[in-house]
N, C-alpha and C. Protein backbone atom coordinates (compact mmCIF):
# COMPACT_ATOMS: atom_id res chain seq x y z
N MET A 1 0.20 5.55 -33.19
CA MET A 1 0.10 6.22 -31.81
C MET A 1 1.00 5.50 -30.88
N LEU A 2 0.75 3.95 -30.93
CA LEU A 2 1.38 2.99 -30.08
C LEU A 2 3.00 3.01 -30.29
N GLN A 3 3.21 3.26 -31.60
CA GLN A 3 4.63 3.33 -32.00
C GLN A 3 5.51 4.54 -31.30
N GLN A 4 4.84 5.59 -31.36
CA GLN A 4 5.23 6.86 -30.81
C GLN A 4 5.57 6.63 -29.46
N LEU A 5 4.47 5.92 -28.71
CA LEU A 5 4.69 5.84 -27.30
C LEU A 5 5.82 4.95 -26.93
N ARG A 6 6.04 3.91 -27.84
CA ARG A 6 7.17 2.98 -27.57
C ARG A 6 8.46 3.77 -27.66
N GLN A 7 8.62 4.64 -28.73
CA GLN A 7 9.81 5.37 -28.87
C GLN A 7 10.17 6.23 -27.70
N ILE A 8 9.20 6.88 -27.20
CA ILE A 8 9.43 8.00 -26.03
C ILE A 8 9.76 6.95 -24.78
N VAL A 9 9.29 5.89 -24.67
CA VAL A 9 9.69 5.06 -23.52
C VAL A 9 11.15 4.54 -23.69
N SER A 10 11.54 4.22 -24.97
CA SER A 10 12.88 3.69 -25.11
C SER A 10 13.77 4.70 -25.01
N ARG A 11 13.51 6.05 -25.34
CA ARG A 11 14.54 7.04 -25.17
C ARG A 11 14.64 7.39 -23.72
N MET A 12 13.55 7.44 -22.91
CA MET A 12 13.65 7.44 -21.38
C MET A 12 14.50 6.38 -20.59
N GLY A 13 14.40 5.24 -21.23
CA GLY A 13 15.15 3.90 -20.64
C GLY A 13 16.73 4.32 -20.95
N SER A 14 17.00 4.90 -22.01
CA SER A 14 18.52 4.81 -22.47
C SER A 14 19.02 6.08 -21.49
N GLY A 15 18.59 6.71 -20.71
CA GLY A 15 19.23 7.84 -20.04
C GLY A 15 20.32 7.35 -19.07
N PRO A 16 20.75 8.06 -18.24
CA PRO A 16 21.89 7.77 -17.10
C PRO A 16 21.36 6.66 -16.45
N ARG A 17 22.48 6.00 -15.80
CA ARG A 17 22.15 4.89 -15.14
C ARG A 17 21.31 5.03 -13.67
N GLY A 18 21.39 6.19 -13.14
CA GLY A 18 20.60 6.35 -11.91
C GLY A 18 19.31 6.89 -11.99
N ALA A 19 19.04 7.48 -13.31
CA ALA A 19 17.83 8.07 -13.42
C ALA A 19 16.54 7.47 -13.04
N GLY A 20 16.49 5.97 -13.33
CA GLY A 20 15.24 5.44 -13.04
C GLY A 20 15.00 5.37 -11.43
N LEU A 21 16.15 5.15 -10.75
CA LEU A 21 16.10 5.31 -9.31
C LEU A 21 15.71 6.56 -8.68
N GLY A 22 16.28 7.58 -9.39
CA GLY A 22 15.93 9.01 -8.85
C GLY A 22 14.47 9.15 -8.92
N VAL A 23 13.88 8.82 -10.14
CA VAL A 23 12.49 9.00 -10.31
C VAL A 23 11.73 8.17 -9.34
N LYS A 24 11.96 7.09 -9.10
CA LYS A 24 11.34 6.18 -8.12
C LYS A 24 11.46 6.84 -6.73
N LEU A 25 12.53 7.52 -6.47
CA LEU A 25 12.61 8.10 -4.96
C LEU A 25 11.84 9.36 -5.19
N LEU A 26 11.75 10.12 -6.07
CA LEU A 26 10.89 11.32 -6.11
C LEU A 26 9.48 10.95 -6.02
N ILE A 27 8.98 9.89 -6.73
CA ILE A 27 7.46 9.43 -6.60
C ILE A 27 7.36 9.08 -5.29
N GLY A 28 8.10 8.19 -4.59
CA GLY A 28 8.02 7.70 -3.32
C GLY A 28 7.86 8.85 -2.29
N ALA A 29 8.83 9.75 -2.48
CA ALA A 29 8.72 10.90 -1.63
C ALA A 29 7.42 11.75 -1.80
N GLY A 30 7.11 12.01 -2.91
CA GLY A 30 5.74 12.68 -3.27
C GLY A 30 4.65 11.89 -2.51
N ALA A 31 4.70 10.60 -2.64
CA ALA A 31 3.59 9.76 -2.09
C ALA A 31 3.62 9.91 -0.45
N LEU A 32 4.62 9.84 -0.06
CA LEU A 32 4.99 10.02 1.52
C LEU A 32 4.44 11.44 2.11
N ALA A 33 4.79 12.49 1.31
CA ALA A 33 4.51 13.82 1.66
C ALA A 33 2.86 14.07 1.45
N TYR A 34 2.40 13.41 0.55
CA TYR A 34 0.72 13.43 0.37
C TYR A 34 0.22 12.69 1.42
N GLY A 35 0.61 11.47 1.93
CA GLY A 35 0.06 10.74 2.94
C GLY A 35 0.25 11.53 4.19
N PHE A 36 1.14 12.12 4.46
CA PHE A 36 1.44 12.80 5.79
C PHE A 36 0.42 13.88 5.74
N LYS A 37 0.35 14.68 4.60
CA LYS A 37 -0.73 15.90 4.58
C LYS A 37 -2.04 15.42 4.84
N GLU A 38 -2.49 14.34 4.31
CA GLU A 38 -3.93 13.75 4.30
C GLU A 38 -3.97 13.23 5.95
N ALA A 39 -3.25 12.89 6.71
CA ALA A 39 -3.17 12.19 7.86
C ALA A 39 -3.13 13.11 8.93
N THR A 40 -2.76 14.49 8.62
CA THR A 40 -2.85 15.76 9.76
C THR A 40 -3.93 16.60 9.52
N TYR A 41 -4.27 17.45 10.53
CA TYR A 41 -4.87 18.68 10.38
C TYR A 41 -4.89 19.48 11.75
N THR A 42 -5.10 20.60 11.48
CA THR A 42 -4.90 21.61 12.56
C THR A 42 -6.07 22.15 13.10
N VAL A 43 -6.38 22.37 14.28
CA VAL A 43 -7.44 23.05 15.03
C VAL A 43 -6.75 24.37 15.45
N GLU A 44 -7.25 25.41 15.00
CA GLU A 44 -6.67 26.69 15.20
C GLU A 44 -7.35 27.35 16.72
N GLY A 45 -6.74 28.42 17.07
CA GLY A 45 -6.98 28.97 18.37
C GLY A 45 -8.60 29.33 18.40
N GLY A 46 -9.32 29.07 19.26
CA GLY A 46 -10.72 29.47 19.41
C GLY A 46 -11.54 28.31 18.77
N GLN A 47 -11.12 27.36 18.46
CA GLN A 47 -11.96 26.28 17.89
C GLN A 47 -11.79 25.01 18.65
N ARG A 48 -12.71 23.99 18.49
CA ARG A 48 -12.39 22.72 19.02
C ARG A 48 -12.91 21.68 17.92
N ALA A 49 -12.41 20.41 18.02
CA ALA A 49 -12.86 19.54 17.06
C ALA A 49 -13.36 18.16 17.56
N VAL A 50 -14.45 17.59 16.84
CA VAL A 50 -14.87 16.36 17.17
C VAL A 50 -14.58 15.50 15.86
N ILE A 51 -14.18 14.18 16.28
CA ILE A 51 -13.78 13.24 15.16
C ILE A 51 -15.12 12.49 14.90
N PHE A 52 -15.24 12.40 13.33
CA PHE A 52 -16.41 11.58 13.06
C PHE A 52 -15.69 10.36 12.31
N SER A 53 -15.96 9.08 12.67
CA SER A 53 -15.50 7.88 11.96
C SER A 53 -16.52 7.15 11.20
N ARG A 54 -16.08 6.62 9.80
CA ARG A 54 -17.03 6.14 9.07
C ARG A 54 -17.46 4.71 9.72
N ILE A 55 -16.76 4.23 10.43
CA ILE A 55 -16.89 2.80 11.05
C ILE A 55 -17.81 2.91 12.42
N GLY A 56 -17.52 3.85 13.28
CA GLY A 56 -18.02 4.08 14.69
C GLY A 56 -18.86 5.08 14.90
N GLY A 57 -18.90 6.19 14.00
CA GLY A 57 -19.74 7.41 13.96
C GLY A 57 -19.16 8.42 14.82
N MET A 58 -19.71 9.27 15.48
CA MET A 58 -19.17 10.20 16.36
C MET A 58 -18.42 9.60 17.63
N GLN A 59 -17.35 10.32 18.08
CA GLN A 59 -16.71 10.27 19.25
C GLN A 59 -16.83 11.15 20.21
N MET A 60 -17.98 11.26 20.72
CA MET A 60 -18.28 12.46 21.48
C MET A 60 -17.40 12.69 22.73
N ASP A 61 -16.91 11.78 23.27
CA ASP A 61 -16.13 11.84 24.53
C ASP A 61 -14.76 12.49 24.29
N THR A 62 -14.50 12.65 22.97
CA THR A 62 -13.13 13.14 22.59
C THR A 62 -13.45 14.48 21.98
N VAL A 63 -13.10 15.41 22.69
CA VAL A 63 -13.25 16.89 22.18
C VAL A 63 -11.68 17.35 22.00
N LEU A 64 -11.25 17.69 20.80
CA LEU A 64 -9.84 18.11 20.55
C LEU A 64 -9.57 19.47 20.61
N ALA A 65 -8.61 19.89 21.47
CA ALA A 65 -8.21 21.37 21.47
C ALA A 65 -7.30 21.90 20.31
N GLU A 66 -6.65 23.02 20.58
CA GLU A 66 -5.99 23.74 19.60
C GLU A 66 -4.70 22.85 19.35
N GLY A 67 -4.11 22.79 18.07
CA GLY A 67 -2.85 22.01 17.78
C GLY A 67 -3.08 21.21 16.53
N LEU A 68 -2.01 20.63 16.32
CA LEU A 68 -1.80 19.54 15.15
C LEU A 68 -2.33 18.19 15.65
N HIS A 69 -3.08 17.62 14.90
CA HIS A 69 -3.68 16.18 15.32
C HIS A 69 -3.60 15.20 14.17
N PHE A 70 -3.66 14.08 14.44
CA PHE A 70 -3.60 13.06 13.26
C PHE A 70 -4.86 12.22 13.09
N ARG A 71 -5.24 11.79 12.05
CA ARG A 71 -6.44 11.08 11.74
C ARG A 71 -6.03 9.93 10.84
N MET A 72 -6.99 9.04 10.61
CA MET A 72 -6.65 7.93 9.66
C MET A 72 -7.55 8.46 8.40
N PRO A 73 -6.83 8.69 7.33
CA PRO A 73 -7.54 9.28 6.13
C PRO A 73 -8.53 8.23 5.62
N TRP A 74 -9.64 8.89 5.07
CA TRP A 74 -10.74 8.25 4.44
C TRP A 74 -11.71 7.66 5.65
N PHE A 75 -11.23 7.26 6.71
CA PHE A 75 -12.03 6.70 7.69
C PHE A 75 -12.40 7.51 8.82
N GLN A 76 -11.57 8.71 9.04
CA GLN A 76 -12.03 9.51 9.93
C GLN A 76 -11.89 11.09 9.46
N TYR A 77 -12.76 12.01 9.76
CA TYR A 77 -12.46 13.35 9.59
C TYR A 77 -12.86 14.25 10.59
N PRO A 78 -12.26 15.39 10.84
CA PRO A 78 -12.77 16.16 11.68
C PRO A 78 -13.85 17.06 11.50
N ILE A 79 -14.71 17.43 12.66
CA ILE A 79 -15.79 18.55 12.57
C ILE A 79 -15.33 19.54 13.38
N ILE A 80 -15.01 20.78 12.91
CA ILE A 80 -14.17 21.75 13.58
C ILE A 80 -15.30 22.79 13.88
N TYR A 81 -15.48 23.26 15.20
CA TYR A 81 -16.41 24.30 15.61
C TYR A 81 -15.59 25.53 16.15
N ASP A 82 -16.19 26.64 15.95
CA ASP A 82 -15.77 27.88 16.49
C ASP A 82 -16.43 28.15 17.90
N ILE A 83 -15.71 28.19 18.83
CA ILE A 83 -16.19 28.61 20.31
C ILE A 83 -16.01 29.87 20.74
N ARG A 84 -15.64 30.76 20.06
CA ARG A 84 -15.48 32.22 20.41
C ARG A 84 -16.72 32.81 20.69
N ALA A 85 -16.76 33.68 21.71
CA ALA A 85 -18.05 34.42 21.92
C ALA A 85 -17.97 35.69 21.02
N ARG A 86 -19.12 35.94 20.39
CA ARG A 86 -19.16 37.01 19.49
C ARG A 86 -20.35 38.20 20.10
N PRO A 87 -19.71 39.32 19.93
CA PRO A 87 -20.62 40.44 20.57
C PRO A 87 -21.89 40.65 19.56
N ARG A 88 -23.04 40.73 20.28
CA ARG A 88 -24.28 41.02 19.46
C ARG A 88 -24.90 42.50 19.92
N LYS A 89 -25.37 43.21 19.07
CA LYS A 89 -26.12 44.47 19.10
C LYS A 89 -27.45 44.14 19.04
N ILE A 90 -28.04 44.46 20.19
CA ILE A 90 -29.50 44.37 20.29
C ILE A 90 -29.97 45.70 20.50
N SER A 91 -31.06 46.18 19.60
CA SER A 91 -31.65 47.38 19.72
C SER A 91 -33.17 47.31 20.18
N SER A 92 -33.29 48.19 21.28
CA SER A 92 -34.72 48.12 21.88
C SER A 92 -35.34 49.43 21.90
N LEU A 93 -36.52 49.64 22.05
CA LEU A 93 -37.09 50.95 22.39
C LEU A 93 -37.26 51.25 23.77
N THR A 94 -36.56 52.31 24.26
CA THR A 94 -36.73 52.37 25.74
C THR A 94 -36.95 53.94 26.02
N GLY A 95 -37.71 54.37 27.03
CA GLY A 95 -38.10 55.67 27.46
C GLY A 95 -36.94 56.25 28.04
N SER A 96 -36.93 57.47 28.21
CA SER A 96 -35.90 58.37 28.97
C SER A 96 -36.30 58.11 30.39
N LYS A 97 -35.55 58.72 31.32
CA LYS A 97 -35.78 58.67 32.61
C LYS A 97 -36.97 59.36 33.13
N GLY A 98 -37.36 60.44 32.50
CA GLY A 98 -38.50 61.32 32.85
C GLY A 98 -39.71 60.43 32.43
N ASP A 99 -39.80 59.49 31.40
CA ASP A 99 -40.97 58.89 31.03
C ASP A 99 -41.19 57.82 31.90
N LEU A 100 -40.16 57.34 32.54
CA LEU A 100 -40.61 56.09 33.48
C LEU A 100 -41.00 56.49 34.85
N GLU A 101 -40.75 57.87 35.28
CA GLU A 101 -41.22 58.27 36.63
C GLU A 101 -42.70 58.64 36.43
N PRO A 102 -43.56 58.23 37.45
CA PRO A 102 -44.99 58.42 37.20
C PRO A 102 -45.36 60.04 37.58
N ASP A 103 -44.61 60.76 38.44
CA ASP A 103 -44.87 62.03 38.82
C ASP A 103 -44.12 63.17 38.00
N SER A 104 -43.58 62.66 37.02
CA SER A 104 -42.77 63.65 36.18
C SER A 104 -43.56 64.15 35.17
N HIS A 105 -44.72 63.42 34.59
CA HIS A 105 -45.55 64.15 33.50
C HIS A 105 -46.58 64.94 34.13
N LYS A 106 -46.97 65.96 33.49
CA LYS A 106 -47.98 66.86 33.98
C LYS A 106 -49.09 67.07 33.03
N CYS A 107 -50.18 66.48 33.07
CA CYS A 107 -51.34 66.56 32.19
C CYS A 107 -52.53 66.85 33.15
N ASN A 108 -53.50 67.53 32.65
CA ASN A 108 -54.69 68.02 33.25
C ASN A 108 -55.78 66.88 33.63
N LYS A 109 -55.51 65.69 32.99
CA LYS A 109 -56.44 64.69 33.09
C LYS A 109 -56.06 63.75 34.36
N CYS A 110 -54.98 63.83 34.81
CA CYS A 110 -54.44 63.04 35.89
C CYS A 110 -54.89 63.59 37.16
């Protein structure tokens, strides 16, 4: 097994002269893109965000509006809230106008 791994590595090392540099640049660019992705977050329209820090806790004085924001990965993460008003349907039992007026009913006992 170890012998096969050495053969694969020796074949890769005997490639074109700039191949090693190209692989290093690709890995570096990938690491940079991953770091940028982890350091940014988006707050959509109708939402707000509060930052939680593992070191200092909640930063309640800072409420972030819509847009692209930056954070320190692993140390900070956003808690995103929806602030849009939602319609609610409330059903209730109500009488008609005739039921609410005292003179409108006609019974023999009154």
